[in-house]
Amino acid sequence: MKVRIVVDYVPRYRRGHQWHFVPPVTGIHLAAITPPEHEVEVIHEQVRPVPVDTTPDVVALSFFSGFARRAYQLADRYRALGVRVVAGGPHVSYWTEEALEHVDVVVTGEAESVWPEVLRDIERGTPRRVYRGEAVPLAGLPTPRYDLLEDRFLVPRVLQATRGCPFTCSFCTVPDLNPGFRVRPVDEVVRDIATTRFPRFWQDKVAWFWDDNLLVQRRWAKDLLRAMSGLDRWWLTQASIDIVKDRELLDLMERSGCIGIFLGIESLDEADLRSVDKRQNRVREYRDAIERLHDRGICVMAGFISGFDDQTPEAIVATADRLNAVGVDVPFLSVLTPFRGTPLYDEYLRDGRILEDRDWDHYTGYGVAFRPARMTPDELLAAHRRLWNRAFSPALVTDRLARGARQLSRGGMMLSAAMNGFYGLKQLTGNEPARAPIEGEGRIAHPDPMQAPLRLSQIGVRRAERESASRHEKAPSAARTAVA
């Protein structure tokens, strides 16, 4: 069959992007695990329009909640032409019934365990409506299909070496969507980095790990970094802030070419962190932790969330200068978003704080989909935009770059300059995060707050119990066997 994999996208800024840093790993990974008898292509809507035609036999859509309406529009158009449509990803994993109104097949959870089966069933004309992907060991995964990437991404070598995260922050779906913590064999990760080639210097030089918490399993992480030390590569990833307590790990990070670490700081106030069960962070340790990474020349990217219950608009806006004061090189600024599958969503749904007039375009990380505690939704949105504009103002961008010139390695400085330039130019030209329209009537069918919270792991348990009961019912009893 001809399989078209589409990674959906809706611009989150008023005028989109001038440059495109990095592709999601999803599309090129799914292409890599597609059985070789099928012809496969990958389209990232972020960088080119999606053709809607009858060329493919199967279209696979991957998207998260903020892009759901766009994905459904594409699905409806393909199905009108008679093309089979499969949807996967975090959104459809938790909103399966909604997705089935627009697609033929939904894949929930992780795709590796079911994707070949999905394609086989479609080819035979006997697909099921829902396939439940399971968390499987990561050994034996192929190299992502970089050859199918569009050439507009600045850093095309994205890969994943681990799955999962040991922490259980209440706003995050990862503990349920990717349960446990699993690692790939070191030699297979090194193969993906060492054997791929790209035309431009920085493209061939940089590896971007698309992991939630790459360095959690220390012994494995150190083995990986030792193996990477001779590759002459630069790399960056996401990790938890406790990595700075391991001197040997920091030595290996520097030696192996680490140029950037993304830290989920989320807030500069302890009460905020406690409210979302992010107890592994200690605000008083931030400055020292960042200094230790700077000592190794590593650029520190940090996520900050607006909308915690004890925040005021003034406190949110003041965070721009506070982040600079603790040494953050590149701030990433989002709005608290209650995704289904998280304790945060369950709490807000139960308390009547989900804004039911807000559609999926408010779930991009730049919209407000809930009722804040100490301000109105509009006040939260306005405070976030003021924060964003202050954080990427010429004054603060210049301050960060001047500090980076003294503290960062060449690769770390290039990363900081590229990202600050990316957001700083947006700020200068008024290209701030777009505001989602508010619909007159909500279209999201939120569940009854009294229902048990939805968890994929619980679905797996319930399915196993049903299958066990079914086998028991079909098996002949001892008495019937004896009579026969």
Protein backbone atom coordinates (compact mmCIF):
# COMPACT_ATOMS: atom_id res chain seq x y z
CA MET A 1 0.00 0.00 0.00
CA LYS A 2 0.91 3.67 -0.24
CA VAL A 3 1.03 5.12 3.28
CA ARG A 4 1.05 8.87 3.87
CA ILE A 5 2.04 9.96 7.39
CA VAL A 6 0.90 13.50 8.22
CA VAL A 7 2.10 15.37 11.30
CA ASP A 8 -0.59 18.00 11.70
CA TYR A 9 0.15 21.56 12.68
CA VAL A 10 -1.58 24.89 13.26
CA PRO A 11 0.59 28.04 13.57
CA ARG A 12 0.72 29.14 17.20
CA TYR A 13 2.02 32.63 16.38
CA ARG A 14 0.21 35.41 14.57
CA ARG A 15 2.35 35.07 11.45
CA GLY A 16 3.86 31.63 11.92
CA HIS A 17 7.61 30.94 11.92
CA GLN A 18 10.40 32.48 9.89
CA TRP A 19 12.55 29.40 10.57
CA HIS A 20 11.72 25.88 11.64
CA PHE A 21 14.08 24.49 14.25
CA VAL A 22 13.32 20.83 14.65
CA PRO A 23 10.74 18.28 13.45
CA PRO A 24 8.84 16.02 15.82
CA VAL A 25 10.34 12.53 15.83
CA THR A 26 6.90 10.91 15.51
CA GLY A 27 6.47 10.91 11.73
CA ILE A 28 9.93 9.70 10.77
CA HIS A 29 9.85 7.08 13.53
CA LEU A 30 6.48 5.74 12.38
CA ALA A 31 7.83 5.62 8.83
CA ALA A 32 10.83 3.63 10.05
CA ILE A 33 8.67 0.96 11.72
CA THR A 34 6.37 0.69 8.69
CA PRO A 35 6.90 -2.76 7.08
CA PRO A 36 9.11 -2.47 3.97
CA GLU A 37 6.50 -3.80 1.56
CA HIS A 38 4.62 -0.52 1.88
CA GLU A 39 5.55 2.75 0.17
CA VAL A 40 5.70 5.53 2.75
CA GLU A 41 5.93 9.31 2.74
CA VAL A 42 6.00 11.84 5.60
CA ILE A 43 4.47 15.32 5.47
CA HIS A 44 4.98 17.92 8.19
CA GLU A 45 2.21 20.47 7.88
CA GLN A 46 4.46 22.87 9.77
CA VAL A 47 6.59 23.39 6.66
CA ARG A 48 4.37 22.48 3.67
CA PRO A 49 0.71 22.10 2.77
CA VAL A 50 -0.87 18.68 3.00
CA PRO A 51 -2.17 17.46 -0.38
CA VAL A 52 -5.64 15.94 -0.14
CA ASP A 53 -5.92 13.43 -2.98
CA THR A 54 -6.40 9.73 -3.65
CA THR A 55 -2.70 8.93 -4.06
CA PRO A 56 -2.36 7.18 -0.66
CA ASP A 57 -4.24 4.05 0.33
CA VAL A 58 -3.82 4.97 3.99
CA VAL A 59 -3.31 8.33 5.70
CA ALA A 60 -1.95 8.28 9.25
CA LEU A 61 -2.52 11.49 11.22
CA SER A 62 -0.51 12.34 14.33
CA PHE A 63 -1.47 15.35 16.42
CA PHE A 64 -1.91 16.71 19.90
CA SER A 65 -4.98 18.38 21.34
CA GLY A 66 -4.29 21.92 20.17
CA PHE A 67 -4.33 20.78 16.53
CA ALA A 68 -7.31 18.42 16.77
CA ARG A 69 -9.83 20.45 14.75
CA ARG A 70 -7.37 20.87 11.88
CA ALA A 71 -6.64 17.13 11.90
CA TYR A 72 -10.33 16.29 11.86
CA GLN A 73 -10.88 18.59 8.87
CA LEU A 74 -8.16 16.77 6.96
CA ALA A 75 -9.54 13.38 8.00
CA ASP A 76 -13.04 14.28 6.81
CA ARG A 77 -11.72 15.39 3.42
CA TYR A 78 -9.66 12.25 2.90
CA ARG A 79 -12.53 9.97 3.89
CA ALA A 80 -14.83 11.79 1.47
CA LEU A 81 -12.42 10.62 -1.26
CA GLY A 82 -12.53 7.03 0.02
CA VAL A 83 -9.07 7.07 1.62
CA ARG A 84 -8.66 5.15 4.88
CA VAL A 85 -7.62 7.39 7.78
CA VAL A 86 -5.79 6.28 10.93
CA ALA A 87 -5.17 8.63 13.86
CA GLY A 88 -2.70 8.26 16.69
CA GLY A 89 -0.98 10.33 19.33
CA PRO A 90 -1.78 11.70 22.77
CA HIS A 91 -5.05 13.40 21.83
CA VAL A 92 -6.84 10.43 20.33
CA SER A 93 -5.48 8.18 23.07
CA TYR A 94 -7.68 10.07 25.54
CA TRP A 95 -10.48 11.27 23.23
CA THR A 96 -11.02 8.09 21.25
CA GLU A 97 -14.79 8.36 20.78
CA GLU A 98 -14.46 11.91 19.51
CA ALA A 99 -11.75 10.89 17.04
CA LEU A 100 -13.80 7.96 15.73
CA GLU A 101 -16.37 10.43 14.43
CA HIS A 102 -13.74 11.54 11.90
CA VAL A 103 -11.35 8.63 11.27
CA ASP A 104 -11.58 4.94 10.45
CA VAL A 105 -9.05 3.66 12.96
CA VAL A 106 -7.62 5.00 16.24
CA VAL A 107 -4.31 3.82 17.69
CA THR A 108 -3.92 4.62 21.38
CA GLY A 109 -0.73 4.58 23.41
CA GLU A 110 2.57 3.58 21.79
CA ALA A 111 2.43 2.42 18.18
CA GLU A 112 5.29 -0.09 17.90
CA SER A 113 3.28 -3.06 19.18
CA VAL A 114 0.34 -2.60 16.78
CA TRP A 115 1.32 -0.56 13.69
CA PRO A 116 2.22 -3.52 11.43
CA GLU A 117 -1.02 -5.20 12.50
CA VAL A 118 -3.03 -2.07 11.68
CA LEU A 119 -1.62 -1.96 8.15
CA ARG A 120 -2.08 -5.70 7.63
CA ASP A 121 -5.71 -5.53 8.69
CA ILE A 122 -6.41 -2.52 6.45
CA GLU A 123 -4.80 -4.28 3.50
CA ARG A 124 -7.07 -7.29 4.12
CA GLY A 125 -10.10 -5.06 4.50
CA THR A 126 -10.70 -6.12 8.13
CA PRO A 127 -9.45 -3.27 10.33
CA ARG A 128 -10.68 -2.87 13.88
CA ARG A 129 -11.84 0.55 15.01
CA VAL A 130 -9.41 0.80 17.93
CA TYR A 131 -5.94 -0.67 18.48
CA ARG A 132 -4.40 -0.40 21.93
CA GLY A 133 -0.66 0.11 21.71
CA GLU A 134 1.32 -1.21 24.66
CA ALA A 135 4.58 -0.12 26.23
CA VAL A 136 7.20 -2.52 24.88
CA PRO A 137 10.98 -2.81 25.24
CA LEU A 138 12.84 -0.37 23.00
CA ALA A 139 15.53 -2.72 21.70
CA GLY A 140 15.65 -3.22 17.96
CA LEU A 141 14.08 0.06 16.87
CA PRO A 142 15.26 1.25 13.45
CA THR A 143 16.91 4.59 12.70
CA PRO A 144 14.31 7.31 12.01
CA ARG A 145 13.67 7.93 8.29
CA TYR A 146 15.61 11.16 8.01
CA ASP A 147 15.57 10.71 4.23
CA LEU A 148 11.84 11.50 4.26
CA LEU A 149 12.24 14.84 6.06
CA GLU A 150 11.62 18.14 4.33
CA ASP A 151 14.79 20.25 4.01
CA ARG A 152 13.39 23.27 5.87
CA PHE A 153 14.26 22.08 9.39
CA LEU A 154 17.43 23.59 10.84
CA VAL A 155 18.15 20.56 13.06
CA PRO A 156 16.90 17.40 11.33
CA ARG A 157 18.66 14.76 13.47
CA VAL A 158 16.02 14.12 16.13
CA LEU A 159 15.92 10.83 17.96
CA GLN A 160 14.61 9.18 21.07
CA ALA A 161 16.77 7.10 23.40
CA THR A 162 14.36 6.64 26.33
CA ARG A 163 10.66 6.63 27.09
CA GLY A 164 8.88 7.76 30.22
CA CYS A 165 9.71 9.77 33.30
CA PRO A 166 9.90 8.68 36.96
CA PHE A 167 8.17 11.83 38.19
CA THR A 168 4.41 12.36 38.35
CA CYS A 169 3.75 16.08 37.84
CA SER A 170 -0.01 16.55 37.89
CA PHE A 171 -0.15 18.46 34.58
CA CYS A 172 1.76 15.83 32.57
CA THR A 173 0.41 12.82 30.62
CA VAL A 174 3.79 11.10 30.22
CA PRO A 175 3.54 8.79 33.30
CA ASP A 176 0.32 7.32 31.87
CA LEU A 177 0.97 7.61 28.13
CA ASN A 178 4.53 6.21 28.37
CA PRO A 179 4.49 4.17 31.59
CA GLY A 180 7.65 3.17 33.38
CA PHE A 181 11.10 4.25 32.25
CA ARG A 182 12.71 2.35 29.39
CA VAL A 183 16.00 2.79 27.56
CA ARG A 184 17.29 1.74 24.17
CA PRO A 185 20.54 -0.21 23.80
CA VAL A 186 23.44 2.23 23.78
CA ASP A 187 24.89 0.85 20.54
CA GLU A 188 21.61 1.45 18.70
CA VAL A 189 21.42 5.06 19.88
CA VAL A 190 25.03 5.65 18.84
CA ARG A 191 24.26 4.07 15.45
CA ASP A 192 21.48 6.62 14.87
CA ILE A 193 23.83 9.50 15.66
CA ALA A 194 27.01 8.24 14.00
CA THR A 195 25.73 6.82 10.71
CA THR A 196 23.41 9.60 9.57
CA ARG A 197 24.67 12.46 7.43
CA PHE A 198 23.25 15.89 6.61
CA PRO A 199 24.42 18.55 4.14
CA ARG A 200 25.05 21.57 6.37
CA PHE A 201 27.67 21.82 9.12
CA TRP A 202 25.32 22.40 12.02
CA GLN A 203 22.85 19.78 10.77
CA ASP A 204 25.54 17.11 10.71
CA LYS A 205 26.95 18.31 14.02
CA VAL A 206 23.81 18.40 16.20
CA ALA A 207 21.68 15.59 17.67
CA TRP A 208 18.44 16.60 19.38
CA PHE A 209 17.15 13.99 21.82
CA TRP A 210 13.34 14.06 21.81
CA ASP A 211 13.21 12.54 25.32
CA ASP A 212 11.22 13.57 28.37
CA ASN A 213 14.06 12.89 30.80
CA LEU A 214 17.10 11.44 29.06
CA LEU A 215 19.54 11.16 31.97
CA VAL A 216 17.36 9.56 34.66
CA GLN A 217 18.96 6.11 34.69
CA ARG A 218 22.46 7.17 35.65
CA ARG A 219 24.48 4.04 34.83
CA TRP A 220 22.93 3.74 31.38
CA ALA A 221 23.23 7.49 30.78
CA LYS A 222 26.92 7.47 31.60
CA ASP A 223 27.50 4.50 29.30
CA LEU A 224 25.73 6.40 26.52
CA LEU A 225 27.75 9.57 27.06
CA ARG A 226 31.04 7.62 27.12
CA ALA A 227 30.08 6.03 23.81
CA MET A 228 29.20 9.44 22.36
CA SER A 229 32.44 11.08 23.47
CA GLY A 230 34.31 10.13 20.31
CA LEU A 231 31.59 11.10 17.83
CA ASP A 232 32.44 14.82 17.62
CA ARG A 233 28.77 15.75 17.92
CA TRP A 234 26.86 18.43 19.80
CA TRP A 235 23.68 17.34 21.52
CA LEU A 236 20.82 18.71 23.60
CA THR A 237 17.89 17.25 25.47
CA GLN A 238 15.49 17.59 28.39
CA ALA A 239 16.44 16.45 31.88
CA SER A 240 15.57 16.98 35.52
CA ILE A 241 17.52 19.50 37.53
CA ASP A 242 19.04 16.89 39.86
CA ILE A 243 21.64 16.01 37.19
CA VAL A 244 23.83 18.80 38.57
CA LYS A 245 24.45 16.80 41.76
CA ASP A 246 26.40 14.13 39.86
CA ARG A 247 29.87 15.48 39.05
CA GLU A 248 30.84 12.48 36.94
CA LEU A 249 27.69 12.88 34.86
CA LEU A 250 28.45 16.59 34.30
CA ASP A 251 32.00 15.71 33.23
CA LEU A 252 30.66 13.22 30.71
CA MET A 253 28.04 15.66 29.44
CA GLU A 254 30.74 18.21 28.71
CA ARG A 255 33.11 15.66 27.17
CA SER A 256 30.44 14.17 24.90
CA GLY A 257 29.39 17.53 23.47
CA CYS A 258 26.32 18.64 25.41
CA ILE A 259 25.42 22.17 24.33
CA GLY A 260 21.96 22.54 25.87
CA ILE A 261 19.69 21.19 28.58
CA PHE A 262 16.00 21.96 28.90
CA LEU A 263 14.88 22.06 32.53
CA GLY A 264 11.23 22.03 33.54
CA ILE A 265 11.56 24.79 36.13
CA GLU A 266 7.81 25.61 35.77
CA SER A 267 7.79 28.20 38.58
CA LEU A 268 10.04 30.28 40.80
CA ASP A 269 7.76 29.77 43.80
CA GLU A 270 7.72 26.65 45.96
CA ALA A 271 3.95 26.75 46.53
CA ASP A 272 3.31 26.47 42.78
CA LEU A 273 5.56 23.44 42.52
CA ARG A 274 3.90 21.70 45.45
CA SER A 275 0.47 22.33 43.96
CA VAL A 276 1.33 20.24 40.88
CA ASP A 277 3.41 17.59 42.68
CA LYS A 278 6.71 18.79 41.22
CA ARG A 279 8.44 18.28 44.52
CA GLN A 280 11.77 17.27 42.96
CA ASN A 281 12.47 20.95 42.21
CA ARG A 282 13.89 23.32 44.84
CA VAL A 283 13.66 26.98 43.90
CA ARG A 284 16.50 27.94 46.23
CA GLU A 285 18.78 25.59 44.25
CA TYR A 286 18.04 26.98 40.79
CA ARG A 287 20.79 29.57 40.59
CA ASP A 288 23.48 27.17 41.78
CA ALA A 289 22.25 24.41 39.45
CA ILE A 290 22.33 26.72 36.45
CA GLU A 291 25.81 27.96 37.38
CA ARG A 292 27.07 24.37 37.44
CA LEU A 293 25.77 23.82 33.93
CA HIS A 294 27.27 27.12 32.79
CA ASP A 295 30.61 26.01 34.23
CA ARG A 296 30.51 23.28 31.57
CA GLY A 297 29.52 25.73 28.82
CA ILE A 298 26.00 24.29 28.59
CA CYS A 299 23.10 26.52 27.52
CA VAL A 300 20.18 26.33 29.96
CA MET A 301 16.70 26.36 28.46
CA ALA A 302 13.93 26.47 31.03
CA GLY A 303 10.19 25.97 30.89
CA PHE A 304 7.95 28.27 32.91
CA ILE A 305 4.17 27.88 33.31
CA SER A 306 1.69 30.69 33.91
CA GLY A 307 -1.60 30.03 35.67
CA PHE A 308 -0.88 28.34 39.01
CA ASP A 309 -3.44 29.05 41.69
CA ASP A 310 -1.45 31.44 43.82
CA GLN A 311 -0.18 33.53 40.90
CA THR A 312 -1.35 37.05 40.13
CA PRO A 313 -0.91 38.88 36.83
CA GLU A 314 1.84 41.02 38.37
CA ALA A 315 3.74 37.97 39.62
CA ILE A 316 3.57 36.34 36.19
CA VAL A 317 4.97 39.37 34.38
CA ALA A 318 7.75 39.81 36.96
CA THR A 319 8.99 36.31 36.14
CA ALA A 320 10.74 37.58 33.00
CA ASP A 321 13.35 39.46 35.02
CA ARG A 322 13.51 36.77 37.69
CA LEU A 323 14.38 34.11 35.09
CA ASN A 324 17.19 36.29 33.79
CA ALA A 325 18.41 36.86 37.34
CA VAL A 326 18.84 33.12 38.02
CA GLY A 327 20.75 32.71 34.76
CA VAL A 328 18.29 31.10 32.32
CA ASP A 329 19.62 31.42 28.77
CA VAL A 330 16.42 30.65 26.85
CA PRO A 331 13.01 30.83 28.55
CA PHE A 332 10.09 28.76 27.23
CA LEU A 333 6.84 30.32 28.40
CA SER A 334 3.55 28.43 28.34
CA VAL A 335 0.12 28.58 29.96
CA LEU A 336 -1.02 25.84 32.32
CA THR A 337 -3.17 23.45 30.27
CA PRO A 338 -5.39 20.71 31.75
CA PHE A 339 -4.94 17.80 29.34
CA ARG A 340 -7.12 14.76 29.82
CA GLY A 341 -5.24 11.84 31.33
CA THR A 342 -3.68 14.05 34.02
CA PRO A 343 -4.65 14.58 37.66
CA LEU A 344 -4.89 18.31 36.86
CA TYR A 345 -7.68 17.71 34.33
CA ASP A 346 -9.55 15.46 36.74
CA GLU A 347 -9.31 18.05 39.52
CA TYR A 348 -10.44 20.98 37.35
CA LEU A 349 -13.26 18.96 35.79
CA ARG A 350 -14.49 17.91 39.23
CA ASP A 351 -14.31 21.47 40.53
CA GLY A 352 -16.10 22.95 37.51
CA ARG A 353 -13.05 24.93 36.40
CA ILE A 354 -12.82 23.64 32.83
CA LEU A 355 -14.07 26.34 30.46
CA GLU A 356 -16.57 24.46 28.32
CA ASP A 357 -16.87 27.30 25.78
CA ARG A 358 -13.22 26.79 24.82
CA ASP A 359 -12.46 24.46 21.92
CA TRP A 360 -9.24 22.57 21.20
CA ASP A 361 -7.41 25.59 19.82
CA HIS A 362 -7.18 26.81 23.44
CA TYR A 363 -5.14 23.68 24.29
CA THR A 364 -1.95 24.69 22.47
CA GLY A 365 -0.06 25.81 25.58
CA TYR A 366 -0.69 29.44 24.63
CA GLY A 367 -4.42 29.59 25.40
CA VAL A 368 -6.50 29.47 28.57
CA ALA A 369 -8.87 26.51 28.92
CA PHE A 370 -9.67 26.76 32.63
CA ARG A 371 -10.80 29.25 35.26
CA PRO A 372 -7.78 30.58 37.22
CA ALA A 373 -8.01 31.09 40.97
CA ARG A 374 -6.89 34.72 41.36
CA MET A 375 -7.71 36.30 38.01
CA THR A 376 -10.04 35.93 35.06
CA PRO A 377 -9.10 33.84 32.01
CA ASP A 378 -8.59 37.04 30.01
CA GLU A 379 -6.32 38.46 32.71
CA LEU A 380 -4.22 35.29 32.67
CA LEU A 381 -3.91 35.42 28.90
CA ALA A 382 -2.96 39.12 28.98
CA ALA A 383 -0.39 38.52 31.74
CA HIS A 384 1.19 35.69 29.75
CA ARG A 385 1.49 37.88 26.66
CA ARG A 386 3.04 40.70 28.70
CA LEU A 387 5.47 38.17 30.19
CA TRP A 388 6.34 36.84 26.74
CA ASN A 389 6.94 40.32 25.33
CA ARG A 390 9.05 41.33 28.32
CA ALA A 391 11.12 38.12 28.29
CA PHE A 392 12.02 38.54 24.62
CA SER A 393 12.46 42.30 24.68
CA PRO A 394 15.73 43.63 23.21
CA ALA A 395 17.00 44.48 26.70
CA LEU A 396 16.61 41.01 28.19
CA VAL A 397 17.71 39.21 25.02
CA THR A 398 20.85 41.35 24.93
CA ASP A 399 21.51 40.64 28.60
CA ARG A 400 21.26 36.89 28.05
CA LEU A 401 23.49 36.92 24.98
CA ALA A 402 26.15 39.06 26.67
CA ARG A 403 26.22 36.69 29.64
CA GLY A 404 26.31 33.68 27.33
CA ALA A 405 29.31 35.05 25.46
CA ARG A 406 31.24 34.84 28.74
CA GLN A 407 29.90 31.51 29.99
CA LEU A 408 28.88 29.21 27.16
CA SER A 409 30.80 26.92 24.85
CA ARG A 410 30.79 27.66 21.13
CA GLY A 411 27.94 25.23 20.57
CA GLY A 412 26.06 26.49 23.62
CA MET A 413 26.41 30.07 22.45
CA MET A 414 25.22 29.19 18.94
CA LEU A 415 22.15 27.52 20.45
CA SER A 416 21.40 30.48 22.73
CA ALA A 417 21.89 33.00 19.92
CA ALA A 418 19.68 31.05 17.51
CA MET A 419 16.82 30.65 19.96
CA ASN A 420 16.97 34.14 21.42
CA GLY A 421 17.17 35.50 17.89
CA PHE A 422 14.19 33.37 16.87
CA TYR A 423 11.94 34.65 19.67
CA GLY A 424 13.49 38.11 19.84
CA LEU A 425 12.72 38.79 16.18
CA LYS A 426 9.13 37.69 16.76
CA GLN A 427 8.85 40.16 19.61
CA LEU A 428 10.33 43.00 17.57
CA THR A 429 7.90 42.40 14.70
CA GLY A 430 4.80 41.89 16.87
CA ASN A 431 4.58 38.20 15.96
CA GLU A 432 3.47 37.11 19.43
CA PRO A 433 1.53 33.94 20.30
CA ALA A 434 -1.82 33.94 18.52
CA ARG A 435 -5.06 34.33 20.43
CA ALA A 436 -7.55 31.52 19.89
CA PRO A 437 -11.14 32.54 19.09
CA ILE A 438 -13.75 31.95 21.77
CA GLU A 439 -16.66 29.96 20.39
CA GLY A 440 -20.22 30.84 21.39
CA GLU A 441 -20.89 27.21 22.20
CA GLY A 442 -18.47 24.57 23.40
CA ARG A 443 -17.84 21.60 21.13
CA ILE A 444 -15.81 19.41 23.47
CA ALA A 445 -17.84 16.61 25.03
CA HIS A 446 -16.16 16.58 28.44
CA PRO A 447 -17.06 13.52 30.53
CA ASP A 448 -19.25 13.49 33.60
CA PRO A 449 -17.09 14.69 36.52
CA MET A 450 -18.39 11.78 38.58
CA GLN A 451 -16.92 9.21 36.17
CA ALA A 452 -13.70 7.48 37.10
CA PRO A 453 -10.69 9.34 35.65
CA LEU A 454 -9.46 7.97 32.32
CA ARG A 455 -6.06 6.28 32.37
CA LEU A 456 -4.61 4.23 29.52
CA SER A 457 -2.97 1.86 31.99
CA GLN A 458 -6.38 1.15 33.52
CA ILE A 459 -7.81 0.43 30.07
CA GLY A 460 -5.06 -2.12 29.54
CA VAL A 461 -5.85 -3.78 32.86
CA ARG A 462 -9.57 -3.85 32.13
CA ARG A 463 -8.95 -5.28 28.66
CA ALA A 464 -6.73 -8.04 30.08
CA GLU A 465 -9.41 -8.85 32.63
CA ARG A 466 -12.09 -9.06 29.92
CA GLU A 467 -9.91 -11.27 27.70
CA SER A 468 -9.17 -13.53 30.66
CA ALA A 469 -12.89 -13.80 31.45
CA SER A 470 -13.67 -14.49 27.79
CA ARG A 471 -11.14 -17.31 27.65
CA HIS A 472 -12.58 -18.75 30.84
CA GLU A 473 -16.13 -18.69 29.41
CA LYS A 474 -15.05 -20.39 26.18
CA ALA A 475 -13.01 -23.08 27.90
CA PRO A 476 -14.94 -26.33 28.58
CA SER A 477 -15.54 -27.00 32.23
CA ALA A 478 -14.10 -30.10 33.85
CA ALA A 479 -17.57 -31.53 34.24
CA ARG A 480 -18.46 -31.05 30.56
CA THR A 481 -15.14 -32.52 29.50
CA ALA A 482 -15.73 -35.57 31.65
CA VAL A 483 -19.23 -36.11 30.20
CA ALA A 484 -17.93 -35.73 26.66
